[in-house]
Amino acid sequence: MGPLADLDLNDLRAGFEGKFWPQTVALKQALPLLSASGSVTFITAGSSGAAYPGTAGLAAINGALDAMVPVLAVELAPRRVNAVSPGVIDTPWWDTFAAPARDAVFARFAAQAPVGRIGQASDIADAVRFLIENTFTTGNILKVDGGARLRP
């Protein structure tokens, strides 16, 4: 994270190595074993469609995953390919932030979201389960952000 002018490109590369490539490699390796009725669900992030200053790197990583979803849904059919795009979720990812900074971010996003709270890991698990179990859903990116994207 950070403004592009200050972004260490090695950090950006590490971000791709830590999120984009593991999901892509896992899918490629699973393809020979994935049944015709199988389902693939990527985890991206709301940063791919947001315009928050300092998140261009996150947007690029998650946007790359988002861009693959509709293409792979057609390419791998009849298998289903979808993604869950979380908003701000209370996970250990935030543990690198000092507690006051993290709490301030959580409060700001909770106030912005129409549901009035930040997400929990269980919210994302429920969304993944939906996409796996719903056999008539493919090529979609399910936004699970409490509606935060609806307000500027």
C-alpha atoms as a PDB file:
ATOM      1  CA  MET A   1       0.000   0.000   0.000  1.00  0.00           C
ATOM      2  CA  GLY A   2       1.015   3.567  -0.507  1.00  0.00           C
ATOM      3  CA  PRO A   3       1.178   6.189  -3.230  1.00  0.00           C
ATOM      4  CA  LEU A   4       2.676   4.904  -6.462  1.00  0.00           C
ATOM      5  CA  ALA A   5       5.523   7.427  -6.253  1.00  0.00           C
ATOM      6  CA  ASP A   6       6.569   5.879  -2.932  1.00  0.00           C
ATOM      7  CA  LEU A   7       5.664   2.268  -3.687  1.00  0.00           C
ATOM      8  CA  ASP A   8       8.567  -0.147  -3.590  1.00  0.00           C
ATOM      9  CA  LEU A   9       8.148  -2.197  -6.760  1.00  0.00           C
ATOM     10  CA  ASN A  10       9.604  -5.202  -4.975  1.00  0.00           C
ATOM     11  CA  ASP A  11       6.708  -4.935  -2.497  1.00  0.00           C
ATOM     12  CA  LEU A  12       4.255  -4.822  -5.403  1.00  0.00           C
ATOM     13  CA  ARG A  13       5.922  -7.866  -6.931  1.00  0.00           C
ATOM     14  CA  ALA A  14       5.709  -9.626  -3.568  1.00  0.00           C
ATOM     15  CA  GLY A  15       2.009  -8.778  -3.447  1.00  0.00           C
ATOM     16  CA  PHE A  16       1.459 -10.520  -6.782  1.00  0.00           C
ATOM     17  CA  GLU A  17       3.579 -13.446  -5.582  1.00  0.00           C
ATOM     18  CA  GLY A  18       1.518 -13.722  -2.409  1.00  0.00           C
ATOM     19  CA  LYS A  19      -2.006 -13.389  -3.839  1.00  0.00           C
ATOM     20  CA  PHE A  20      -2.298 -13.560  -7.623  1.00  0.00           C
ATOM     21  CA  TRP A  21       0.111 -16.374  -8.354  1.00  0.00           C
ATOM     22  CA  PRO A  22      -0.928 -18.822  -5.593  1.00  0.00           C
ATOM     23  CA  GLN A  23      -4.556 -18.747  -6.730  1.00  0.00           C
ATOM     24  CA  THR A  24      -3.607 -19.060 -10.393  1.00  0.00           C
ATOM     25  CA  VAL A  25      -1.139 -21.889  -9.789  1.00  0.00           C
ATOM     26  CA  ALA A  26      -3.604 -23.745  -7.536  1.00  0.00           C
ATOM     27  CA  LEU A  27      -6.266 -23.619 -10.241  1.00  0.00           C
ATOM     28  CA  LYS A  28      -3.853 -24.757 -12.958  1.00  0.00           C
ATOM     29  CA  GLN A  29      -2.721 -27.699 -10.837  1.00  0.00           C
ATOM     30  CA  ALA A  30      -6.301 -28.617  -9.874  1.00  0.00           C
ATOM     31  CA  LEU A  31      -7.676 -28.580 -13.435  1.00  0.00           C
ATOM     32  CA  PRO A  32      -6.896 -32.229 -14.228  1.00  0.00           C
ATOM     33  CA  LEU A  33      -8.824 -33.263 -11.098  1.00  0.00           C
ATOM     34  CA  LEU A  34     -11.673 -30.751 -11.280  1.00  0.00           C
ATOM     35  CA  SER A  35     -14.907 -32.412 -12.364  1.00  0.00           C
ATOM     36  CA  ALA A  36     -17.106 -30.978 -15.082  1.00  0.00           C
ATOM     37  CA  SER A  37     -19.550 -29.912 -12.366  1.00  0.00           C
ATOM     38  CA  GLY A  38     -16.767 -28.338 -10.294  1.00  0.00           C
ATOM     39  CA  SER A  39     -16.566 -24.814  -8.965  1.00  0.00           C
ATOM     40  CA  VAL A  40     -13.650 -22.412  -8.586  1.00  0.00           C
ATOM     41  CA  THR A  41     -13.858 -19.358  -6.339  1.00  0.00           C
ATOM     42  CA  PHE A  42     -11.092 -16.780  -6.272  1.00  0.00           C
ATOM     43  CA  ILE A  43     -10.724 -14.318  -3.407  1.00  0.00           C
ATOM     44  CA  THR A  44     -10.045 -10.810  -4.697  1.00  0.00           C
ATOM     45  CA  ALA A  45     -10.793  -7.517  -2.907  1.00  0.00           C
ATOM     46  CA  GLY A  46     -12.879  -4.408  -3.212  1.00  0.00           C
ATOM     47  CA  SER A  47      -9.731  -2.406  -3.911  1.00  0.00           C
ATOM     48  CA  SER A  48      -9.905  -3.566  -7.540  1.00  0.00           C
ATOM     49  CA  GLY A  49     -12.919  -1.358  -8.155  1.00  0.00           C
ATOM     50  CA  ALA A  50     -12.273   1.441  -5.692  1.00  0.00           C
ATOM     51  CA  ALA A  51     -10.385   4.673  -6.174  1.00  0.00           C
ATOM     52  CA  TYR A  52      -8.748   4.989  -2.769  1.00  0.00           C
ATOM     53  CA  PRO A  53      -5.444   6.861  -3.017  1.00  0.00           C
ATOM     54  CA  GLY A  54      -2.535   4.665  -2.033  1.00  0.00           C
ATOM     55  CA  THR A  55      -4.127   1.409  -3.160  1.00  0.00           C
ATOM     56  CA  ALA A  56      -3.069   1.225  -6.833  1.00  0.00           C
ATOM     57  CA  GLY A  57      -0.895  -1.816  -6.133  1.00  0.00           C
ATOM     58  CA  LEU A  58      -3.710  -3.641  -4.344  1.00  0.00           C
ATOM     59  CA  ALA A  59      -6.091  -2.668  -7.143  1.00  0.00           C
ATOM     60  CA  ALA A  60      -3.702  -4.110  -9.736  1.00  0.00           C
ATOM     61  CA  ILE A  61      -3.311  -7.444  -7.959  1.00  0.00           C
ATOM     62  CA  ASN A  62      -7.013  -7.902  -7.291  1.00  0.00           C
ATOM     63  CA  GLY A  63      -8.025  -6.461 -10.645  1.00  0.00           C
ATOM     64  CA  ALA A  64      -5.886  -9.075 -12.391  1.00  0.00           C
ATOM     65  CA  LEU A  65      -7.814 -11.817 -10.607  1.00  0.00           C
ATOM     66  CA  ASP A  66     -11.156 -10.121 -11.314  1.00  0.00           C
ATOM     67  CA  ALA A  67     -10.288  -9.880 -15.014  1.00  0.00           C
ATOM     68  CA  MET A  68      -9.713 -13.630 -15.253  1.00  0.00           C
ATOM     69  CA  VAL A  69     -13.102 -14.632 -13.813  1.00  0.00           C
ATOM     70  CA  PRO A  70     -15.377 -14.128 -16.853  1.00  0.00           C
ATOM     71  CA  VAL A  71     -12.729 -15.421 -19.260  1.00  0.00           C
ATOM     72  CA  LEU A  72     -12.161 -18.589 -17.237  1.00  0.00           C
ATOM     73  CA  ALA A  73     -15.908 -19.067 -16.726  1.00  0.00           C
ATOM     74  CA  VAL A  74     -16.233 -19.447 -20.499  1.00  0.00           C
ATOM     75  CA  GLU A  75     -12.927 -21.233 -21.058  1.00  0.00           C
ATOM     76  CA  LEU A  76     -13.448 -23.853 -18.333  1.00  0.00           C
ATOM     77  CA  ALA A  77     -17.209 -24.364 -18.807  1.00  0.00           C
ATOM     78  CA  PRO A  78     -19.198 -26.270 -17.732  1.00  0.00           C
ATOM     79  CA  ARG A  79     -17.105 -25.799 -14.590  1.00  0.00           C
ATOM     80  CA  ARG A  80     -18.083 -22.610 -12.771  1.00  0.00           C
ATOM     81  CA  VAL A  81     -15.631 -19.806 -12.007  1.00  0.00           C
ATOM     82  CA  ASN A  82     -16.485 -16.923  -9.678  1.00  0.00           C
ATOM     83  CA  ALA A  83     -14.799 -14.646  -7.155  1.00  0.00           C
ATOM     84  CA  VAL A  84     -15.628 -13.110  -3.817  1.00  0.00           C
ATOM     85  CA  SER A  85     -14.529  -9.498  -3.524  1.00  0.00           C
ATOM     86  CA  PRO A  86     -14.397  -8.569   0.168  1.00  0.00           C
ATOM     87  CA  GLY A  87     -14.473  -5.083   1.561  1.00  0.00           C
ATOM     88  CA  VAL A  88     -12.863  -4.318   4.915  1.00  0.00           C
ATOM     89  CA  ILE A  89     -12.876  -7.557   6.889  1.00  0.00           C
ATOM     90  CA  ASP A  90     -11.568  -8.001  10.433  1.00  0.00           C
ATOM     91  CA  THR A  91      -8.788 -10.525   9.753  1.00  0.00           C
ATOM     92  CA  PRO A  92      -5.143 -10.909  10.804  1.00  0.00           C
ATOM     93  CA  TRP A  93      -4.183  -8.939   7.650  1.00  0.00           C
ATOM     94  CA  TRP A  94      -4.852  -5.824   9.742  1.00  0.00           C
ATOM     95  CA  ASP A  95      -2.564  -6.951  12.586  1.00  0.00           C
ATOM     96  CA  THR A  96       0.375  -5.124  10.999  1.00  0.00           C
ATOM     97  CA  PHE A  97      -1.382  -1.827  11.763  1.00  0.00           C
ATOM     98  CA  ALA A  98      -1.082  -0.253  15.204  1.00  0.00           C
ATOM     99  CA  ALA A  99      -4.335  -0.794  17.093  1.00  0.00           C
ATOM    100  CA  PRO A 100      -5.378   2.898  17.063  1.00  0.00           C
ATOM    101  CA  ALA A 101      -4.816   3.153  13.287  1.00  0.00           C
ATOM    102  CA  ARG A 102      -6.649  -0.122  12.642  1.00  0.00           C
ATOM    103  CA  ASP A 103      -9.560   0.941  14.874  1.00  0.00           C
ATOM    104  CA  ALA A 104      -9.792   4.268  13.043  1.00  0.00           C
ATOM    105  CA  VAL A 105      -9.924   2.534   9.652  1.00  0.00           C
ATOM    106  CA  PHE A 106     -12.551   0.105  10.924  1.00  0.00           C
ATOM    107  CA  ALA A 107     -14.656   2.945  12.326  1.00  0.00           C
ATOM    108  CA  ARG A 108     -14.404   4.945   9.088  1.00  0.00           C
ATOM    109  CA  PHE A 109     -15.420   2.014   6.905  1.00  0.00           C
ATOM    110  CA  ALA A 110     -18.196   0.918   9.279  1.00  0.00           C
ATOM    111  CA  ALA A 111     -19.627   4.444   9.144  1.00  0.00           C
ATOM    112  CA  GLN A 112     -19.425   4.397   5.324  1.00  0.00           C
ATOM    113  CA  ALA A 113     -21.091   0.996   4.892  1.00  0.00           C
ATOM    114  CA  PRO A 114     -24.879   0.955   4.810  1.00  0.00           C
ATOM    115  CA  VAL A 115     -24.834  -2.143   7.057  1.00  0.00           C
ATOM    116  CA  GLY A 116     -22.977  -0.092   9.695  1.00  0.00           C
ATOM    117  CA  ARG A 117     -20.137  -2.507  10.396  1.00  0.00           C
ATOM    118  CA  ILE A 118     -17.027  -4.023   8.936  1.00  0.00           C
ATOM    119  CA  GLY A 119     -17.064  -7.596   7.765  1.00  0.00           C
ATOM    120  CA  GLN A 120     -16.114 -10.778   9.551  1.00  0.00           C
ATOM    121  CA  ALA A 121     -14.393 -13.839   8.111  1.00  0.00           C
ATOM    122  CA  SER A 122     -17.708 -15.705   8.401  1.00  0.00           C
ATOM    123  CA  ASP A 123     -19.278 -13.219   5.945  1.00  0.00           C
ATOM    124  CA  ILE A 124     -16.707 -14.223   3.345  1.00  0.00           C
ATOM    125  CA  ALA A 125     -17.048 -17.936   4.126  1.00  0.00           C
ATOM    126  CA  ASP A 126     -20.817 -17.670   3.601  1.00  0.00           C
ATOM    127  CA  ALA A 127     -20.279 -15.988   0.221  1.00  0.00           C
ATOM    128  CA  VAL A 128     -17.796 -18.650  -0.900  1.00  0.00           C
ATOM    129  CA  ARG A 129     -20.220 -21.376   0.178  1.00  0.00           C
ATOM    130  CA  PHE A 130     -22.999 -19.721  -1.836  1.00  0.00           C
ATOM    131  CA  LEU A 131     -20.882 -19.613  -4.984  1.00  0.00           C
ATOM    132  CA  ILE A 132     -19.788 -23.224  -4.582  1.00  0.00           C
ATOM    133  CA  GLU A 133     -23.299 -24.525  -3.924  1.00  0.00           C
ATOM    134  CA  ASN A 134     -25.209 -22.452  -6.479  1.00  0.00           C
ATOM    135  CA  THR A 135     -24.845 -24.411  -9.709  1.00  0.00           C
ATOM    136  CA  PHE A 136     -26.361 -21.651 -11.853  1.00  0.00           C
ATOM    137  CA  THR A 137     -23.819 -18.946 -11.001  1.00  0.00           C
ATOM    138  CA  THR A 138     -20.657 -18.460 -13.026  1.00  0.00           C
ATOM    139  CA  GLY A 139     -18.504 -15.585 -14.233  1.00  0.00           C
ATOM    140  CA  ASN A 140     -19.484 -13.366 -11.297  1.00  0.00           C
ATOM    141  CA  ILE A 141     -17.560 -11.304  -8.811  1.00  0.00           C
ATOM    142  CA  LEU A 142     -19.627 -11.203  -5.641  1.00  0.00           C
ATOM    143  CA  LYS A 143     -18.998  -7.986  -3.728  1.00  0.00           C
ATOM    144  CA  VAL A 144     -19.151  -8.625   0.010  1.00  0.00           C
ATOM    145  CA  ASP A 145     -18.457  -5.169   1.403  1.00  0.00           C
ATOM    146  CA  GLY A 146     -21.544  -4.235   3.410  1.00  0.00           C
ATOM    147  CA  GLY A 147     -22.471  -1.853   0.606  1.00  0.00           C
ATOM    148  CA  ALA A 148     -19.435   0.385   1.251  1.00  0.00           C
ATOM    149  CA  ARG A 149     -18.882   0.805  -2.492  1.00  0.00           C
ATOM    150  CA  LEU A 150     -22.293   2.507  -2.725  1.00  0.00           C
ATOM    151  CA  ARG A 151     -21.118   5.613  -0.896  1.00  0.00           C
ATOM    152  CA  PRO A 152     -18.245   7.890  -1.907  1.00  0.00           C
END
